Amino acid sequence: MPVSWQMRSSAETSAALAGFNHLTGWSDREPLGPFGTITDSISPRYGVVAVAAALLHRARTGEGAYIDVSQVETGIYGLSEWLLGYEASGQTVGRAGNRSPHAAPHGVFPCAGEDRWIAIAVHDDADWRRLVDAMGKPAWATAAALASADGRLRAVDALEHHLATWTATQDAADLAVALQAAGLDAAPVADMQDVLADPQLAHRNHFHELTHPVVGRYVVESMGLRFSAAPMQFTRPAPCLAADSKETYCGLLGMPEAEFDELSAAGVLA
């Protein structure tokens, strides 16, 4: 018996219904929602597991299965921490930008240049001491009140202001390297040009250049996963409209060439 599959999606509304939009954005602004269609990305993963289980069930019993996958319900699994927190304390968490309720500083800070930023996450007191040393132990950072996570969280506005003043004069990539060398979580915020020039992605052969007859040179991406026996290959650019019609109709579908030419001349086939 076949495995039947039914799935309906509307990612933007599903993300809102699941609760994502209430959590993403800044406290003094409207909900942003997560970047991209997050429930479109989450639900297929549950769907694949369900299909695999149904196929295994069919192989063992000969019976089919009906699979019902809800984008909202699968998305809610991604918010388990906040749901459990509400069950435990009754507290509803709202939008907090890039801040963490458990650690500070934790966010994105300006760097030298136009629209250049660095992400820095200080997870514990040992991380904070490393950051203070990396900054050269400025007076504001050596205050006793900032030695603990609780103290830093209470003073997070002033802390972020001082840290942003320090980062704003520095190159994001160089600063990230220095902070990483000090044992901290730090990374420059990459724009698309940065991504295209990233040496690790180049080492992985993530991007490939192709030439299209209309748009000219353009870049395509490899899959994020690799198979040793099936290397990623690009043999040609995307076809123009109807470029593969004859190959499809006459080759794959077996239509006689004379019939194809007649239908094309009549404008039936583009």
Foldseek 3Di string as FASTA:
>chain_A
DEADEDDDDDQVVLQVLLPQQQAEDAPVDHGDGDPDRVLVVQQVVVVVVVVVVQVVVCVVPVDGDYDDTDSNVSVNVVVVVQVVVCVVPVDHDGYHHQPDPQAPDFAWAAAEDDPKIKTFTQRFLVLLVLVCVLLVNDVVSPDPLNSGRVSCVVVVVVVRVVVNVSRHYHDQQVVQVSSVVSVTDMHIDDDPVCVVVPPVCVVVVQKDWAQDPPPGIDIDGDDPDQDPVDGDDDPHDDDDPCPCVCCCCCPVVNDDPVVVVVCVVVVNGD
